[in-house]
N, C-alpha and C. Protein backbone atom coordinates (compact mmCIF):
# COMPACT_ATOMS: atom_id res chain seq x y z
N MET A 1 105.78 176.65 86.77
CA MET A 1 105.43 175.37 85.86
C MET A 1 106.08 174.04 86.30
N PHE A 2 107.47 174.25 86.09
CA PHE A 2 108.14 172.99 86.58
C PHE A 2 108.07 172.23 87.74
N GLU A 3 107.65 173.21 88.75
CA GLU A 3 107.30 172.45 90.09
C GLU A 3 105.95 172.02 89.91
N THR A 4 105.14 172.27 89.29
CA THR A 4 103.70 171.63 89.17
C THR A 4 103.88 170.45 88.53
N LEU A 5 104.76 170.57 87.35
CA LEU A 5 105.13 168.98 86.22
C LEU A 5 105.83 168.22 87.17
N PHE A 6 106.66 168.49 88.15
CA PHE A 6 107.53 167.99 88.64
C PHE A 6 106.85 166.84 89.81
N THR A 7 106.11 167.98 90.44
CA THR A 7 105.01 167.25 91.74
C THR A 7 104.13 166.16 90.79
N ASN A 8 103.41 166.47 89.97
CA ASN A 8 102.54 165.69 89.36
C ASN A 8 103.23 164.30 88.90
N TRP A 9 104.50 164.45 88.15
CA TRP A 9 105.14 163.29 87.81
C TRP A 9 105.64 162.52 89.16
N MET A 10 106.03 162.72 90.49
CA MET A 10 106.31 162.47 91.32
C MET A 10 105.02 162.11 92.02
N SER A 11 103.90 162.59 91.96
CA SER A 11 102.70 161.65 92.34
C SER A 11 102.33 160.45 91.74
N GLU A 12 102.62 160.53 90.68
CA GLU A 12 102.24 159.43 89.53
C GLU A 12 103.33 158.23 89.64
N MET A 13 104.58 158.52 89.92
CA MET A 13 105.41 157.81 90.33
C MET A 13 105.44 156.88 91.51
N SER A 14 104.69 157.49 92.37
CA SER A 14 104.20 156.94 93.66
C SER A 14 103.03 155.86 93.70
N LYS A 15 102.30 155.74 92.59
CA LYS A 15 101.31 154.48 92.27
C LYS A 15 102.28 153.19 92.14
N PRO A 16 101.16 152.63 92.64
CA PRO A 16 102.05 150.83 92.37
C PRO A 16 101.83 150.46 91.20
N LEU A 17 102.71 149.49 90.93
CA LEU A 17 102.44 148.86 89.75
C LEU A 17 101.39 147.87 89.93
N ALA A 18 101.43 146.77 91.03
CA ALA A 18 100.73 145.65 91.08
C ALA A 18 100.61 145.50 93.14
N ILE A 19 99.56 145.14 93.13
CA ILE A 19 99.12 144.94 94.52
C ILE A 19 98.15 143.67 94.98
N VAL A 20 98.11 143.40 96.35
CA VAL A 20 97.30 142.09 96.41
C VAL A 20 96.09 142.81 96.66
N ALA A 21 94.79 142.76 95.89
CA ALA A 21 93.66 143.34 96.13
C ALA A 21 93.07 143.60 97.60
N ALA A 22 93.00 142.01 98.05
CA ALA A 22 92.30 142.24 99.53
C ALA A 22 93.05 142.82 100.51
N GLU A 23 94.25 143.09 100.33
CA GLU A 23 95.20 143.65 101.42
C GLU A 23 94.85 145.27 101.07
N ALA A 24 94.27 145.91 99.92
CA ALA A 24 93.96 147.37 99.73
C ALA A 24 93.06 148.07 101.01
N GLU A 25 93.41 149.03 101.20
CA GLU A 25 92.89 149.62 102.22
C GLU A 25 91.43 149.76 101.65
N THR A 26 90.42 149.64 103.01
CA THR A 26 89.35 150.21 102.59
C THR A 26 88.97 151.80 102.53
N ARG A 27 87.87 151.93 101.90
CA ARG A 27 87.82 153.48 101.56
C ARG A 27 86.95 153.79 102.98
N THR A 28 87.74 155.09 103.33
CA THR A 28 87.59 155.81 104.65
C THR A 28 86.26 156.17 105.04
N LYS A 29 85.51 156.71 103.62
CA LYS A 29 84.31 157.31 104.21
C LYS A 29 82.97 155.75 103.63
N PRO A 30 82.27 155.14 104.60
CA PRO A 30 81.83 154.17 104.00
C PRO A 30 80.76 154.35 102.78
N SER A 31 79.93 155.72 102.76
CA SER A 31 79.05 155.62 101.77
C SER A 31 79.14 157.47 101.25
N ASN A 32 78.78 157.54 100.29
CA ASN A 32 78.75 159.11 99.87
C ASN A 32 77.35 159.47 99.73
N TYR A 33 76.26 158.71 100.44
CA TYR A 33 75.23 159.03 100.08
C TYR A 33 74.67 159.83 101.37
N PRO A 34 73.74 160.91 101.30
CA PRO A 34 73.22 161.70 102.45
C PRO A 34 73.02 160.70 103.42
N PRO A 35 73.22 161.38 104.60
CA PRO A 35 73.13 160.32 106.03
C PRO A 35 72.05 159.83 106.34
N VAL A 36 70.38 160.27 105.85
CA VAL A 36 69.47 159.16 105.88
C VAL A 36 69.42 157.96 104.95
N PHE A 37 70.33 157.91 104.17
CA PHE A 37 70.30 156.70 103.44
C PHE A 37 71.98 155.88 103.72
N ALA A 38 72.83 156.72 104.13
CA ALA A 38 74.15 156.14 104.24
C ALA A 38 74.09 154.88 105.18
N ALA A 39 73.30 155.15 106.25
CA ALA A 39 73.14 154.00 107.22
C ALA A 39 72.96 152.74 106.64
N ARG A 40 71.93 152.70 105.50
CA ARG A 40 71.49 151.37 104.93
C ARG A 40 72.79 150.50 104.00
N MET A 41 73.76 151.34 104.08
CA MET A 41 74.89 150.59 103.58
C MET A 41 76.14 150.05 104.78
N ASN A 42 75.55 150.12 105.69
CA ASN A 42 76.11 149.19 106.86
C ASN A 42 76.55 147.90 106.32
N GLY A 43 77.83 147.26 106.35
CA GLY A 43 78.18 145.83 106.62
C GLY A 43 78.90 145.89 104.87
N ARG A 44 79.13 146.74 104.25
CA ARG A 44 79.56 147.15 102.83
C ARG A 44 80.89 147.54 103.14
N LEU A 45 82.02 147.12 102.23
CA LEU A 45 83.43 147.52 102.62
C LEU A 45 83.99 147.51 101.15
N LYS A 46 84.16 148.65 100.95
CA LYS A 46 85.21 149.11 99.66
C LYS A 46 86.09 149.27 99.60
N ARG A 47 86.98 148.52 98.75
CA ARG A 47 88.50 148.95 98.45
C ARG A 47 88.67 149.18 97.16
N PRO A 48 88.81 150.74 96.86
CA PRO A 48 88.81 151.46 95.57
C PRO A 48 90.44 151.17 95.07
N LEU A 49 90.24 150.04 94.09
CA LEU A 49 91.47 149.63 93.69
C LEU A 49 91.88 150.48 92.46
N GLY A 50 91.18 150.96 91.70
CA GLY A 50 91.22 151.90 90.40
C GLY A 50 91.95 153.07 91.02
N ASP A 51 91.66 153.98 92.30
CA ASP A 51 92.01 155.16 92.78
C ASP A 51 93.64 154.90 93.02
N LEU A 52 94.06 153.45 93.59
CA LEU A 52 95.37 153.31 94.02
C LEU A 52 96.26 153.42 92.69
N PHE A 53 95.73 153.28 91.99
CA PHE A 53 96.60 153.09 90.28
C PHE A 53 96.51 154.55 89.66
N GLY A 54 95.78 155.37 90.43
CA GLY A 54 95.52 156.82 89.41
C GLY A 54 94.63 156.65 88.19
N LEU A 55 93.39 155.45 88.27
CA LEU A 55 92.58 155.73 87.21
C LEU A 55 91.80 157.13 87.28
N LYS A 56 91.62 157.52 85.96
CA LYS A 56 90.65 158.49 85.92
C LYS A 56 89.45 157.99 85.27
N ASN A 57 89.38 157.34 84.28
CA ASN A 57 88.02 157.03 83.75
C ASN A 57 87.02 156.06 83.57
N PHE A 58 87.59 155.37 84.69
CA PHE A 58 86.89 154.47 85.48
C PHE A 58 87.25 153.96 86.67
N GLY A 59 86.21 153.47 87.49
CA GLY A 59 86.32 153.24 88.99
C GLY A 59 86.70 151.57 88.97
N VAL A 60 87.16 150.91 90.05
CA VAL A 60 87.18 149.69 90.12
C VAL A 60 87.13 149.27 91.76
N ASN A 61 86.09 148.50 92.16
CA ASN A 61 86.35 148.37 93.83
C ASN A 61 86.13 146.92 93.66
N LEU A 62 87.14 146.49 94.73
CA LEU A 62 86.63 145.29 95.45
C LEU A 62 85.97 145.01 96.75
N THR A 63 84.67 144.90 96.42
CA THR A 63 83.51 145.04 97.56
C THR A 63 83.20 143.81 98.55
N THR A 64 83.25 143.83 99.53
CA THR A 64 82.81 142.61 100.44
C THR A 64 81.34 143.31 101.10
N LEU A 65 80.50 142.18 100.85
CA LEU A 65 79.15 142.89 101.58
C LEU A 65 79.17 141.46 102.96
N GLU A 66 78.70 142.03 104.30
CA GLU A 66 78.69 140.96 105.42
C GLU A 66 77.19 140.48 104.81
N SER A 67 76.95 139.46 105.87
CA SER A 67 75.57 138.92 105.62
C SER A 67 74.59 140.49 105.90
N GLY A 68 73.31 140.18 105.37
CA GLY A 68 72.50 141.26 105.30
C GLY A 68 72.48 142.33 104.45
N ALA A 69 74.04 142.82 104.37
CA ALA A 69 74.32 143.84 103.57
C ALA A 69 73.66 144.43 102.24
N VAL A 70 73.85 145.23 101.55
CA VAL A 70 73.68 145.66 100.21
C VAL A 70 74.70 146.37 99.80
N SER A 71 74.68 146.37 98.49
CA SER A 71 75.52 146.79 97.28
C SER A 71 75.35 148.33 97.34
N ALA A 72 74.04 148.99 97.31
CA ALA A 72 73.91 150.31 97.08
C ALA A 72 72.17 150.45 97.36
N LEU A 73 71.57 151.48 96.68
CA LEU A 73 70.23 151.92 96.85
C LEU A 73 70.01 151.14 95.52
N GLN A 74 68.73 150.73 95.37
CA GLN A 74 68.13 150.22 93.91
C GLN A 74 68.57 151.65 92.96
N HIS A 75 69.30 151.47 91.94
CA HIS A 75 69.74 152.62 91.19
C HIS A 75 69.71 152.37 89.84
N ARG A 76 69.93 153.09 89.02
CA ARG A 76 69.92 153.00 87.42
C ARG A 76 70.77 154.45 87.30
N HIS A 77 71.87 154.38 86.07
CA HIS A 77 72.64 155.39 85.62
C HIS A 77 72.06 155.81 84.37
N SER A 78 72.36 157.11 83.98
CA SER A 78 72.02 157.83 82.58
C SER A 78 73.00 157.25 81.84
N ARG A 79 74.29 157.70 82.15
CA ARG A 79 75.45 157.80 81.38
C ARG A 79 76.35 156.60 81.74
N GLN A 80 76.51 156.25 82.78
CA GLN A 80 77.44 155.08 83.28
C GLN A 80 76.99 153.60 82.99
N ASP A 81 78.07 153.05 82.53
CA ASP A 81 77.85 151.43 82.41
C ASP A 81 78.39 151.23 83.64
N GLU A 82 77.93 149.81 84.04
CA GLU A 82 78.42 148.99 85.37
C GLU A 82 78.77 147.98 85.35
N PHE A 83 79.97 147.09 85.85
CA PHE A 83 79.66 145.49 85.68
C PHE A 83 80.47 145.01 87.14
N VAL A 84 79.69 143.86 87.39
CA VAL A 84 80.23 143.23 88.62
C VAL A 84 80.46 141.71 88.43
N TYR A 85 81.49 141.41 88.97
CA TYR A 85 82.09 139.80 88.90
C TYR A 85 82.31 139.34 90.37
N VAL A 86 81.40 138.58 90.44
CA VAL A 86 81.47 137.64 91.81
C VAL A 86 82.74 136.89 91.90
N ILE A 87 83.39 136.98 93.22
CA ILE A 87 84.52 136.08 93.59
C ILE A 87 84.25 134.98 94.45
N GLU A 88 83.66 135.47 95.32
CA GLU A 88 83.46 134.57 96.49
C GLU A 88 81.77 134.90 97.23
N GLY A 89 81.38 133.64 97.24
CA GLY A 89 80.12 133.54 97.99
C GLY A 89 78.62 133.77 96.88
N ARG A 90 77.53 133.44 97.50
CA ARG A 90 76.27 133.61 96.71
C ARG A 90 75.74 135.19 97.13
N ILE A 91 75.26 135.89 96.12
CA ILE A 91 74.84 137.26 96.13
C ILE A 91 73.43 137.24 95.14
N THR A 92 72.49 137.98 95.66
CA THR A 92 71.20 138.07 95.07
C THR A 92 71.18 139.50 94.22
N LEU A 93 71.09 139.32 92.89
CA LEU A 93 71.15 140.51 92.12
C LEU A 93 69.55 141.18 92.15
N VAL A 94 69.40 142.11 92.33
CA VAL A 94 67.73 142.43 92.28
C VAL A 94 67.83 143.48 91.35
N THR A 95 67.01 143.38 90.41
CA THR A 95 66.49 144.41 89.38
C THR A 95 65.03 144.97 88.96
N SER A 96 64.71 145.67 88.14
CA SER A 96 63.46 146.24 88.12
C SER A 96 62.79 145.23 87.37
N GLU A 97 63.42 144.23 86.97
CA GLU A 97 63.04 142.95 85.70
C GLU A 97 63.00 141.75 86.59
N GLY A 98 63.43 141.49 87.92
CA GLY A 98 63.69 140.49 88.61
C GLY A 98 64.76 140.36 89.43
N GLU A 99 64.66 138.75 89.87
CA GLU A 99 65.86 138.57 90.78
C GLU A 99 66.74 137.31 90.20
N ILE A 100 68.12 137.13 90.46
CA ILE A 100 68.66 136.16 90.13
C ILE A 100 70.06 136.11 90.83
N GLU A 101 70.20 134.66 91.62
CA GLU A 101 71.50 134.53 92.37
C GLU A 101 72.75 134.38 91.70
N LEU A 102 73.69 135.28 92.07
CA LEU A 102 74.83 134.98 91.41
C LEU A 102 76.15 134.35 92.39
N THR A 103 76.81 133.62 91.55
CA THR A 103 77.58 132.86 92.65
C THR A 103 79.03 132.99 91.97
N PRO A 104 80.29 132.65 92.55
CA PRO A 104 81.62 133.09 92.16
C PRO A 104 81.80 132.48 90.43
N GLY A 105 82.18 133.52 89.85
CA GLY A 105 82.67 133.12 88.34
C GLY A 105 81.21 133.80 87.89
N MET A 106 80.05 133.96 88.02
CA MET A 106 79.52 134.94 87.30
C MET A 106 79.73 136.32 87.28
N CYS A 107 79.15 137.17 86.30
CA CYS A 107 79.01 138.56 86.36
C CYS A 107 77.89 139.07 85.63
N ALA A 108 77.71 140.37 85.88
CA ALA A 108 76.51 140.90 85.47
C ALA A 108 76.87 142.38 85.08
N GLY A 109 76.14 142.85 83.82
CA GLY A 109 76.56 144.17 83.27
C GLY A 109 75.38 144.81 83.34
N PHE A 110 75.34 146.39 83.39
CA PHE A 110 74.45 147.19 83.38
C PHE A 110 74.76 148.27 82.60
N PRO A 111 73.92 148.40 81.54
CA PRO A 111 74.03 149.40 80.39
C PRO A 111 73.67 150.75 80.85
N ALA A 112 74.00 151.85 80.69
CA ALA A 112 73.56 153.40 80.95
C ALA A 112 72.39 152.99 80.68
N ALA A 113 71.36 153.80 81.34
CA ALA A 113 69.93 154.00 81.04
C ALA A 113 69.17 152.54 81.25
N GLY A 114 69.67 151.62 81.71
CA GLY A 114 69.10 150.24 81.66
C GLY A 114 68.29 150.06 82.86
N VAL A 115 68.18 148.95 83.16
CA VAL A 115 67.50 148.18 84.41
C VAL A 115 67.88 148.92 85.71
N SER A 116 66.99 149.36 86.90
CA SER A 116 67.62 149.41 88.11
C SER A 116 68.05 148.24 88.40
N HIS A 117 68.82 148.51 89.55
CA HIS A 117 70.04 147.23 90.15
C HIS A 117 70.60 147.37 91.58
N HIS A 118 70.77 146.42 91.99
CA HIS A 118 71.41 146.50 93.31
C HIS A 118 71.72 145.14 93.85
N LEU A 119 72.83 144.96 94.86
CA LEU A 119 73.01 143.67 95.20
C LEU A 119 72.51 143.19 96.55
N GLU A 120 72.05 142.09 96.88
CA GLU A 120 71.83 141.86 98.41
C GLU A 120 72.64 140.56 98.93
N ASN A 121 73.21 140.79 100.08
CA ASN A 121 73.59 139.37 100.42
C ASN A 121 72.59 138.85 101.53
N ARG A 122 72.05 137.70 101.26
CA ARG A 122 71.00 137.02 101.83
C ARG A 122 71.43 135.60 102.34
N THR A 123 72.77 135.81 102.30
CA THR A 123 73.42 134.50 102.94
C THR A 123 74.09 134.69 104.68
N ASN A 124 74.23 133.99 105.03
CA ASN A 124 74.87 133.91 106.31
C ASN A 124 76.66 134.08 106.55
N ALA A 125 77.10 134.38 105.20
CA ALA A 125 78.54 134.38 104.90
C ALA A 125 79.04 135.65 104.09
N PRO A 126 80.20 136.21 104.57
CA PRO A 126 80.29 137.40 103.36
C PRO A 126 80.48 137.01 101.92
N VAL A 127 80.29 138.14 101.25
CA VAL A 127 80.30 137.64 99.75
C VAL A 127 81.20 138.79 98.99
N MET A 128 82.34 138.66 98.31
CA MET A 128 83.26 139.44 97.70
C MET A 128 83.20 139.51 96.19
N TYR A 129 83.14 140.65 95.40
CA TYR A 129 83.03 141.02 93.96
C TYR A 129 83.91 142.13 93.69
N LEU A 130 83.74 142.24 92.31
CA LEU A 130 84.53 143.46 91.68
C LEU A 130 83.62 144.28 91.02
N GLU A 131 83.58 145.57 91.35
CA GLU A 131 82.49 146.33 90.43
C GLU A 131 83.21 147.12 89.77
N ILE A 132 82.91 147.30 88.52
CA ILE A 132 83.81 148.35 87.62
C ILE A 132 82.43 149.31 86.94
N GLY A 133 82.99 150.75 87.04
CA GLY A 133 82.03 151.50 86.38
C GLY A 133 82.78 152.81 85.90
N ASP A 134 82.18 153.38 84.87
CA ASP A 134 82.88 154.89 84.33
C ASP A 134 82.76 156.03 84.87
N ARG A 135 83.43 156.92 84.95
CA ARG A 135 83.16 158.30 85.56
C ARG A 135 82.79 159.16 84.70
N THR A 136 81.76 158.94 84.01
CA THR A 136 81.35 159.79 82.96
C THR A 136 80.58 161.03 83.75
N GLU A 137 81.09 162.42 83.17
CA GLU A 137 80.86 163.66 83.77
C GLU A 137 79.10 163.90 83.33
N GLY A 138 78.09 164.67 84.07
CA GLY A 138 77.08 164.68 83.64
C GLY A 138 76.03 163.48 83.79
N ASP A 139 76.72 162.54 84.26
CA ASP A 139 75.77 161.48 85.11
C ASP A 139 74.82 161.53 85.94
N GLU A 140 73.62 160.85 85.92
CA GLU A 140 72.50 160.99 86.62
C GLU A 140 72.32 159.74 87.21
N ALA A 141 72.37 159.45 88.61
CA ALA A 141 71.72 158.09 88.69
C ALA A 141 70.24 158.62 89.74
N THR A 142 69.25 157.51 89.37
CA THR A 142 68.02 157.62 89.68
C THR A 142 67.62 156.59 90.76
N TYR A 143 66.89 156.55 91.82
CA TYR A 143 66.70 156.04 92.80
C TYR A 143 65.41 155.57 92.64
N PRO A 144 64.42 154.61 92.00
CA PRO A 144 63.31 154.28 92.01
C PRO A 144 62.25 154.22 93.29
N GLU A 145 63.08 153.62 94.48
CA GLU A 145 62.08 153.20 95.48
C GLU A 145 62.74 154.57 96.60
N ASP A 146 63.55 155.31 96.41
CA ASP A 146 63.71 156.64 97.18
C ASP A 146 63.82 158.10 96.68
N ASP A 147 63.54 158.72 97.48
CA ASP A 147 63.48 160.37 97.20
C ASP A 147 64.97 160.93 97.09
N LEU A 148 65.69 160.40 96.02
CA LEU A 148 66.96 160.85 95.81
C LEU A 148 67.35 160.85 94.30
N ILE A 149 68.08 161.76 93.98
CA ILE A 149 68.92 161.55 92.51
C ILE A 149 70.29 162.13 92.94
N ALA A 150 71.07 161.66 91.75
CA ALA A 150 72.60 161.92 92.21
C ALA A 150 73.01 162.61 91.11
N LEU A 151 73.80 163.65 91.21
CA LEU A 151 74.18 164.38 89.83
C LEU A 151 75.73 164.17 89.84
N ARG A 152 76.71 163.61 88.76
CA ARG A 152 78.02 163.72 88.57
C ARG A 152 78.15 165.22 87.97
N GLU A 153 78.81 165.99 88.95
CA GLU A 153 79.32 167.02 88.37
C GLU A 153 80.86 167.49 89.07
N GLU A 154 81.70 167.90 88.01
CA GLU A 154 83.06 168.24 88.40
C GLU A 154 84.08 166.95 89.08
N GLY A 155 83.42 165.89 88.92
CA GLY A 155 84.25 164.54 89.64
C GLY A 155 83.52 164.04 90.68
N ALA A 156 82.66 164.70 91.14
CA ALA A 156 82.05 164.09 92.37
C ALA A 156 80.28 164.02 92.35
N TRP A 157 79.75 163.60 93.43
CA TRP A 157 78.50 163.25 93.45
C TRP A 157 77.57 164.32 94.13
N ARG A 158 76.60 165.10 93.56
CA ARG A 158 75.80 165.84 94.44
C ARG A 158 74.60 165.19 94.42
N PHE A 159 73.94 165.17 95.76
CA PHE A 159 72.60 164.50 96.09
C PHE A 159 71.17 165.46 96.01
N VAL A 160 70.58 165.40 95.54
CA VAL A 160 69.29 166.12 95.52
C VAL A 160 67.81 165.22 95.77
N HIS A 161 66.83 165.68 96.49
CA HIS A 161 65.36 165.09 96.29
C HIS A 161 64.93 165.32 94.90
N LYS A 162 63.93 163.95 94.71
CA LYS A 162 63.37 164.09 93.30
C LYS A 162 63.01 165.46 92.95
N ASP A 163 62.33 166.47 93.55
CA ASP A 163 61.74 167.49 93.55
C ASP A 163 62.94 168.74 93.08
N GLY A 164 64.09 168.23 93.45
CA GLY A 164 65.33 169.08 93.15
C GLY A 164 66.34 169.66 94.13
N THR A 165 65.29 169.49 95.21
CA THR A 165 65.79 170.67 96.57
C THR A 165 67.42 169.53 97.10
N PRO A 166 67.83 170.20 97.47
CA PRO A 166 69.31 169.57 97.82
C PRO A 166 69.46 169.02 99.15
N TYR A 167 70.18 167.77 99.39
CA TYR A 167 70.12 167.35 101.04
C TYR A 167 71.27 168.01 101.26
């Protein structure tokens, strides 16, 4: 019991108090999507900032999209709220209700069960933004344009076809 408590304490002690966000390591796995969809995330680099600090209830990523890249497949969450804040560049927010260009200093929020959405870099320059979302168990992400459903179970995503068969 003591060893477990000590190990957990030491692990938490190794977390930084502050960092330069743009110098954080990029996520080692470019996408959690099944391989048939993962390639569509080429040009997206995520720096998982929240994980570096041991955040458990919500995630924070510093994301860079190269020219022509997209943030994710068009999606909506059943339980998760999401928020983005543009730091650098111009990016197109594509939703089920229309499109809008976001510029530095602009932000957008997506309540659970709201509009489907994703971001597209339609410019010739990289775009950098913060994305923040909660990690609610039992969340389900639906993808109106793709044969995909994501289920959040035991802290991880499981992907199935719309008919429920696994990927």
